[in-house]
Each structure stands twice: as structure tokens, then as C-alpha cells.
């Protein structure tokens, strides 16, 4: 019988999308973001979205983050 991890069922796959809209509540912004499963992702990095005109791209996975307010 296969066992499932209930915590993993509640997380979003890391790097599943190319573009993410974030708000100030998500700051400081990191990739992968909290709530994303980390087992198959890259090391956590912080992205300076406020210093970059409200947009930032992760150097590891290419995810594009846009600050919406």
C-alpha cells in the first residue's frame, strides 16, 4: 500500500509556472516561495523585486515574478 504525505498534498509544485503575481504580503520575495514543495527545486534565493521596478526573474529556474499592488 502506498503512503501519501498529507503535507505534500497542500503545497504547490515548485517552479510549476513561468510567471507569478505576488503582493507586498509575500515580501521578502524568495524563490521557491513558501508553500511550494522544495524536494525537487533549487536552493532558496531572495529576489530584490522592489529594487527592480516591481519585476524580478529567478536566476536558477527563470520564474518571472511581478509585484501587484
PDB file of N, CA and C in Angstrom:
ATOM      1  N   UNK A   1       0.837  -1.169   0.000  1.00  0.00           N
ATOM      2  CA  UNK A   1       0.000   0.000   0.000  1.00  0.00           C
ATOM      3  C   UNK A   1       0.890   1.244   0.000  1.00  0.00           C
ATOM      4  N   UNK A   2       0.605   2.175  -0.891  1.00  0.00           N
ATOM      5  CA  UNK A   2       1.382   3.406  -0.976  1.00  0.00           C
ATOM      6  C   UNK A   2       0.940   4.376   0.108  1.00  0.00           C
ATOM      7  N   UNK A   3       1.918   4.997   0.737  1.00  0.00           N
ATOM      8  CA  UNK A   3       1.625   6.002   1.761  1.00  0.00           C
ATOM      9  C   UNK A   3       1.771   7.375   1.148  1.00  0.00           C
ATOM     10  N   UNK A   4       0.873   8.260   1.468  1.00  0.00           N
ATOM     11  CA  UNK A   4       0.948   9.629   0.960  1.00  0.00           C
ATOM     12  C   UNK A   4       1.339  10.562   2.083  1.00  0.00           C
ATOM     13  N   UNK A   5       1.946  11.649   1.729  1.00  0.00           N
ATOM     14  CA  UNK A   5       2.355  12.666   2.684  1.00  0.00           C
ATOM     15  C   UNK A   5       1.309  13.767   2.661  1.00  0.00           C
ATOM     16  N   UNK A   6       0.485  13.917   3.722  1.00  0.00           N
ATOM     17  CA  UNK A   6      -0.566  14.938   3.713  1.00  0.00           C
ATOM     18  C   UNK A   6      -0.020  16.352   3.573  1.00  0.00           C
ATOM     19  N   UNK A   7       1.165  16.630   4.097  1.00  0.00           N
ATOM     20  CA  UNK A   7       1.744  17.971   3.967  1.00  0.00           C
ATOM     21  C   UNK A   7       2.078  18.272   2.518  1.00  0.00           C
ATOM     22  N   UNK A   8       2.550  17.292   1.781  1.00  0.00           N
ATOM     23  CA  UNK A   8       2.897  17.495   0.375  1.00  0.00           C
ATOM     24  C   UNK A   8       1.660  17.766  -0.469  1.00  0.00           C
ATOM     25  N   UNK A   9       0.532  17.231  -0.075  1.00  0.00           N
ATOM     26  CA  UNK A   9      -0.703  17.451  -0.831  1.00  0.00           C
ATOM     27  C   UNK A   9      -1.175  18.901  -0.726  1.00  0.00           C
ATOM     28  N   UNK A  10      -0.703  19.624   0.283  1.00  0.00           N
ATOM     29  CA  UNK A  10      -1.129  21.002   0.497  1.00  0.00           C
ATOM     30  C   UNK A  10      -0.164  22.019  -0.096  1.00  0.00           C
ATOM     31  N   UNK A  11       0.904  21.575  -0.731  1.00  0.00           N
ATOM     32  CA  UNK A  11       1.877  22.503  -1.288  1.00  0.00           C
ATOM     33  C   UNK A  11       1.718  22.622  -2.788  1.00  0.00           C
ATOM     34  N   UNK A  12       2.203  23.716  -3.332  1.00  0.00           N
ATOM     35  CA  UNK A  12       2.214  23.956  -4.765  1.00  0.00           C
ATOM     36  C   UNK A  12       3.525  23.421  -5.318  1.00  0.00           C
ATOM     37  N   UNK A  13       3.507  22.778  -6.467  1.00  0.00           N
ATOM     38  CA  UNK A  13       4.785  22.331  -7.036  1.00  0.00           C
ATOM     39  C   UNK A  13       5.703  23.525  -7.296  1.00  0.00           C
ATOM     40  N   UNK A  14       6.948  23.397  -6.928  1.00  0.00           N
ATOM     41  CA  UNK A  14       7.919  24.471  -7.159  1.00  0.00           C
ATOM     42  C   UNK A  14       8.198  24.591  -8.651  1.00  0.00           C
ATOM     43  N   UNK A  15       8.378  25.808  -9.108  1.00  0.00           N
ATOM     44  CA  UNK A  15       8.745  26.093 -10.490  1.00  0.00           C
ATOM     45  C   UNK A  15       7.733  25.529 -11.500  1.00  0.00           C
ATOM     46  N   UNK A  16       6.476  25.462 -11.107  1.00  0.00           N
ATOM     47  CA  UNK A  16       5.446  24.892 -11.969  1.00  0.00           C
ATOM     48  C   UNK A  16       4.960  25.891 -13.012  1.00  0.00           C
ATOM     49  N   UNK A  17       5.182  27.148 -12.782  1.00  0.00           N
ATOM     50  CA  UNK A  17       4.737  28.186 -13.707  1.00  0.00           C
ATOM     51  C   UNK A  17       5.925  29.046 -14.098  1.00  0.00           C
ATOM     52  N   UNK A  18       5.757  29.802 -15.163  1.00  0.00           N
ATOM     53  CA  UNK A  18       6.814  30.711 -15.600  1.00  0.00           C
ATOM     54  C   UNK A  18       6.608  32.120 -15.065  1.00  0.00           C
ATOM     55  N   UNK A  19       5.378  32.455 -14.657  1.00  0.00           N
ATOM     56  CA  UNK A  19       5.072  33.811 -14.201  1.00  0.00           C
ATOM     57  C   UNK A  19       4.210  33.732 -12.947  1.00  0.00           C
ATOM     58  N   UNK A  20       4.612  34.472 -11.921  1.00  0.00           N
ATOM     59  CA  UNK A  20       3.876  34.509 -10.669  1.00  0.00           C
ATOM     60  C   UNK A  20       3.572  35.953 -10.322  1.00  0.00           C
ATOM     61  N   UNK A  21       2.339  36.241  -9.925  1.00  0.00           N
ATOM     62  CA  UNK A  21       1.977  37.556  -9.419  1.00  0.00           C
ATOM     63  C   UNK A  21       2.051  37.491  -7.900  1.00  0.00           C
ATOM     64  N   UNK A  22       2.755  38.442  -7.306  1.00  0.00           N
ATOM     65  CA  UNK A  22       2.931  38.478  -5.859  1.00  0.00           C
ATOM     66  C   UNK A  22       2.487  39.834  -5.334  1.00  0.00           C
ATOM     67  N   UNK A  23       2.231  39.904  -4.037  1.00  0.00           N
ATOM     68  CA  UNK A  23       1.843  41.165  -3.395  1.00  0.00           C
ATOM     69  C   UNK A  23       2.875  41.506  -2.326  1.00  0.00           C
ATOM     70  N   UNK A  24       2.724  42.667  -1.726  1.00  0.00           N
ATOM     71  CA  UNK A  24       3.646  43.082  -0.669  1.00  0.00           C
ATOM     72  C   UNK A  24       3.599  42.135   0.526  1.00  0.00           C
ATOM     73  N   UNK A  25       2.497  41.420   0.702  1.00  0.00           N
ATOM     74  CA  UNK A  25       2.392  40.440   1.788  1.00  0.00           C
ATOM     75  C   UNK A  25       3.359  39.277   1.567  1.00  0.00           C
ATOM     76  N   UNK A  26       3.804  39.060   0.330  1.00  0.00           N
ATOM     77  CA  UNK A  26       4.737  37.980   0.004  1.00  0.00           C
ATOM     78  C   UNK A  26       6.197  38.378   0.207  1.00  0.00           C
ATOM     79  N   UNK A  27       6.452  39.641   0.556  1.00  0.00           N
ATOM     80  CA  UNK A  27       7.825  40.121   0.714  1.00  0.00           C
ATOM     81  C   UNK A  27       8.361  39.771   2.092  1.00  0.00           C
ATOM     82  N   UNK A  28       9.626  39.493   2.265  1.00  0.00           N
ATOM     83  CA  UNK A  28      10.639  39.456   1.229  1.00  0.00           C
ATOM     84  C   UNK A  28      10.398  38.269   0.299  1.00  0.00           C
ATOM     85  N   UNK A  29      10.597  38.494  -0.976  1.00  0.00           N
ATOM     86  CA  UNK A  29      10.316  37.503  -2.002  1.00  0.00           C
ATOM     87  C   UNK A  29      11.456  36.511  -2.129  1.00  0.00           C
ATOM     88  N   UNK A  30      11.109  35.239  -2.117  1.00  0.00           N
ATOM     89  CA  UNK A  30      12.112  34.201  -2.320  1.00  0.00           C
ATOM     90  C   UNK A  30      11.604  33.220  -3.370  1.00  0.00           C
ATOM     91  N   UNK A  31      12.525  32.564  -4.006  1.00  0.00           N
ATOM     92  CA  UNK A  31      12.189  31.506  -4.951  1.00  0.00           C
ATOM     93  C   UNK A  31      12.986  30.285  -4.545  1.00  0.00           C
ATOM     94  N   UNK A  32      12.351  29.149  -4.318  1.00  0.00           N
ATOM     95  CA  UNK A  32      10.911  28.948  -4.320  1.00  0.00           C
ATOM     96  C   UNK A  32      10.249  29.663  -3.151  1.00  0.00           C
ATOM     97  N   UNK A  33       8.972  29.987  -3.338  1.00  0.00           N
ATOM     98  CA  UNK A  33       8.208  30.705  -2.327  1.00  0.00           C
ATOM     99  C   UNK A  33       7.738  29.740  -1.247  1.00  0.00           C
ATOM    100  N   UNK A  34       7.426  30.268  -0.047  1.00  0.00           N
ATOM    101  CA  UNK A  34       6.837  29.406   0.986  1.00  0.00           C
ATOM    102  C   UNK A  34       5.564  28.768   0.426  1.00  0.00           C
ATOM    103  N   UNK A  35       5.311  27.553   0.760  1.00  0.00           N
ATOM    104  CA  UNK A  35       4.137  26.860   0.254  1.00  0.00           C
ATOM    105  C   UNK A  35       4.416  26.039  -0.992  1.00  0.00           C
ATOM    106  N   UNK A  36       5.612  26.169  -1.555  1.00  0.00           N
ATOM    107  CA  UNK A  36       5.999  25.349  -2.699  1.00  0.00           C
ATOM    108  C   UNK A  36       6.777  24.147  -2.182  1.00  0.00           C
ATOM    109  N   UNK A  37       6.557  23.002  -2.794  1.00  0.00           N
ATOM    110  CA  UNK A  37       7.329  21.832  -2.385  1.00  0.00           C
ATOM    111  C   UNK A  37       8.780  22.047  -2.808  1.00  0.00           C
ATOM    112  N   UNK A  38       9.708  21.716  -1.943  1.00  0.00           N
ATOM    113  CA  UNK A  38      11.111  22.038  -2.177  1.00  0.00           C
ATOM    114  C   UNK A  38      11.960  20.853  -2.592  1.00  0.00           C
ATOM    115  N   UNK A  39      11.449  19.657  -2.515  1.00  0.00           N
ATOM    116  CA  UNK A  39      12.286  18.479  -2.722  1.00  0.00           C
ATOM    117  C   UNK A  39      12.910  18.420  -4.103  1.00  0.00           C
ATOM    118  N   UNK A  40      12.280  18.981  -5.122  1.00  0.00           N
ATOM    119  CA  UNK A  40      12.833  18.903  -6.476  1.00  0.00           C
ATOM    120  C   UNK A  40      13.192  20.279  -7.019  1.00  0.00           C
ATOM    121  N   UNK A  41      13.455  21.207  -6.130  1.00  0.00           N
ATOM    122  CA  UNK A  41      13.706  22.577  -6.545  1.00  0.00           C
ATOM    123  C   UNK A  41      15.172  22.941  -6.349  1.00  0.00           C
ATOM    124  N   UNK A  42      15.474  24.194  -6.560  1.00  0.00           N
ATOM    125  CA  UNK A  42      16.823  24.714  -6.385  1.00  0.00           C
ATOM    126  C   UNK A  42      16.964  25.339  -4.998  1.00  0.00           C
ATOM    127  N   UNK A  43      18.172  25.742  -4.616  1.00  0.00           N
ATOM    128  CA  UNK A  43      18.344  26.413  -3.321  1.00  0.00           C
ATOM    129  C   UNK A  43      17.501  27.683  -3.252  1.00  0.00           C
ATOM    130  N   UNK A  44      17.066  28.021  -2.064  1.00  0.00           N
ATOM    131  CA  UNK A  44      16.256  29.219  -1.859  1.00  0.00           C
ATOM    132  C   UNK A  44      17.099  30.463  -2.086  1.00  0.00           C
ATOM    133  N   UNK A  45      16.583  31.372  -2.897  1.00  0.00           N
ATOM    134  CA  UNK A  45      17.244  32.652  -3.149  1.00  0.00           C
ATOM    135  C   UNK A  45      16.234  33.767  -2.932  1.00  0.00           C
ATOM    136  N   UNK A  46      16.705  34.900  -2.457  1.00  0.00           N
ATOM    137  CA  UNK A  46      15.846  36.070  -2.268  1.00  0.00           C
ATOM    138  C   UNK A  46      15.991  36.974  -3.478  1.00  0.00           C
ATOM    139  N   UNK A  47      14.857  37.498  -3.937  1.00  0.00           N
ATOM    140  CA  UNK A  47      14.828  38.318  -5.147  1.00  0.00           C
ATOM    141  C   UNK A  47      14.475  39.759  -4.797  1.00  0.00           C
ATOM    142  N   UNK A  48      15.255  40.725  -5.263  1.00  0.00           N
ATOM    143  CA  UNK A  48      15.037  42.146  -4.951  1.00  0.00           C
ATOM    144  C   UNK A  48      13.987  42.772  -5.855  1.00  0.00           C
ATOM    145  N   UNK A  49      12.743  42.370  -5.711  1.00  0.00           N
ATOM    146  CA  UNK A  49      11.689  42.811  -6.627  1.00  0.00           C
ATOM    147  C   UNK A  49      11.377  44.302  -6.491  1.00  0.00           C
ATOM    148  N   UNK A  50      11.477  44.847  -5.285  1.00  0.00           N
ATOM    149  CA  UNK A  50      11.186  46.278  -5.102  1.00  0.00           C
ATOM    150  C   UNK A  50      12.254  47.151  -5.750  1.00  0.00           C
ATOM    151  N   UNK A  51      13.489  46.678  -5.771  1.00  0.00           N
ATOM    152  CA  UNK A  51      14.590  47.440  -6.366  1.00  0.00           C
ATOM    153  C   UNK A  51      14.645  47.308  -7.878  1.00  0.00           C
ATOM    154  N   UNK A  52      13.850  46.406  -8.423  1.00  0.00           N
ATOM    155  CA  UNK A  52      13.896  46.115  -9.859  1.00  0.00           C
ATOM    156  C   UNK A  52      12.654  46.598 -10.593  1.00  0.00           C
ATOM    157  N   UNK A  53      11.958  47.592 -10.061  1.00  0.00           N
ATOM    158  CA  UNK A  53      10.790  48.141 -10.736  1.00  0.00           C
ATOM    159  C   UNK A  53       9.558  47.264 -10.665  1.00  0.00           C
ATOM    160  N   UNK A  54       9.478  46.393  -9.664  1.00  0.00           N
ATOM    161  CA  UNK A  54       8.293  45.565  -9.487  1.00  0.00           C
ATOM    162  C   UNK A  54       8.317  44.257 -10.249  1.00  0.00           C
ATOM    163  N   UNK A  55       9.449  43.912 -10.856  1.00  0.00           N
ATOM    164  CA  UNK A  55       9.585  42.631 -11.545  1.00  0.00           C
ATOM    165  C   UNK A  55      10.951  42.043 -11.235  1.00  0.00           C
ATOM    166  N   UNK A  56      11.004  40.721 -11.165  1.00  0.00           N
ATOM    167  CA  UNK A  56      12.260  40.047 -10.911  1.00  0.00           C
ATOM    168  C   UNK A  56      12.216  38.652 -11.523  1.00  0.00           C
ATOM    169  N   UNK A  57      13.382  38.153 -11.919  1.00  0.00           N
ATOM    170  CA  UNK A  57      13.490  36.825 -12.525  1.00  0.00           C
ATOM    171  C   UNK A  57      14.482  36.003 -11.710  1.00  0.00           C
ATOM    172  N   UNK A  58      14.110  34.772 -11.401  1.00  0.00           N
ATOM    173  CA  UNK A  58      14.986  33.869 -10.659  1.00  0.00           C
ATOM    174  C   UNK A  58      16.099  33.377 -11.585  1.00  0.00           C
ATOM    175  N   UNK A  59      17.332  33.509 -11.130  1.00  0.00           N
ATOM    176  CA  UNK A  59      18.481  33.078 -11.932  1.00  0.00           C
ATOM    177  C   UNK A  59      18.567  31.560 -12.055  1.00  0.00           C
ATOM    178  N   UNK A  60      17.984  30.828 -11.114  1.00  0.00           N
ATOM    179  CA  UNK A  60      18.028  29.367 -11.162  1.00  0.00           C
ATOM    180  C   UNK A  60      17.024  28.781 -12.142  1.00  0.00           C
ATOM    181  N   UNK A  61      15.753  29.173 -11.999  1.00  0.00           N
ATOM    182  CA  UNK A  61      14.696  28.498 -12.762  1.00  0.00           C
ATOM    183  C   UNK A  61      14.039  29.385 -13.812  1.00  0.00           C
ATOM    184  N   UNK A  62      14.346  30.674 -13.806  1.00  0.00           N
ATOM    185  CA  UNK A  62      13.767  31.571 -14.798  1.00  0.00           C
ATOM    186  C   UNK A  62      12.359  32.023 -14.490  1.00  0.00           C
ATOM    187  N   UNK A  63      11.842  31.698 -13.308  1.00  0.00           N
ATOM    188  CA  UNK A  63      10.495  32.143 -12.923  1.00  0.00           C
ATOM    189  C   UNK A  63      10.456  33.669 -12.891  1.00  0.00           C
ATOM    190  N   UNK A  64       9.413  34.242 -13.474  1.00  0.00           N
ATOM    191  CA  UNK A  64       9.247  35.682 -13.565  1.00  0.00           C
ATOM    192  C   UNK A  64       8.212  36.097 -12.530  1.00  0.00           C
ATOM    193  N   UNK A  65       8.602  36.990 -11.621  1.00  0.00           N
ATOM    194  CA  UNK A  65       7.718  37.469 -10.561  1.00  0.00           C
ATOM    195  C   UNK A  65       7.345  38.917 -10.847  1.00  0.00           C
ATOM    196  N   UNK A  66       6.062  39.226 -10.675  1.00  0.00           N
ATOM    197  CA  UNK A  66       5.541  40.581 -10.889  1.00  0.00           C
ATOM    198  C   UNK A  66       4.835  41.012  -9.615  1.00  0.00           C
ATOM    199  N   UNK A  67       5.227  42.176  -9.102  1.00  0.00           N
ATOM    200  CA  UNK A  67       4.626  42.721  -7.880  1.00  0.00           C
ATOM    201  C   UNK A  67       3.334  43.442  -8.235  1.00  0.00           C
ATOM    202  N   UNK A  68       2.216  42.964  -7.695  1.00  0.00           N
ATOM    203  CA  UNK A  68       0.913  43.567  -7.935  1.00  0.00           C
ATOM    204  C   UNK A  68       0.454  44.271  -6.679  1.00  0.00           C
ATOM    205  N   UNK A  69       0.103  45.542  -6.786  1.00  0.00           N
ATOM    206  CA  UNK A  69      -0.425  46.299  -5.652  1.00  0.00           C
ATOM    207  C   UNK A  69      -1.505  47.228  -6.089  1.00  0.00           C
TER     208      UNK A  69
END
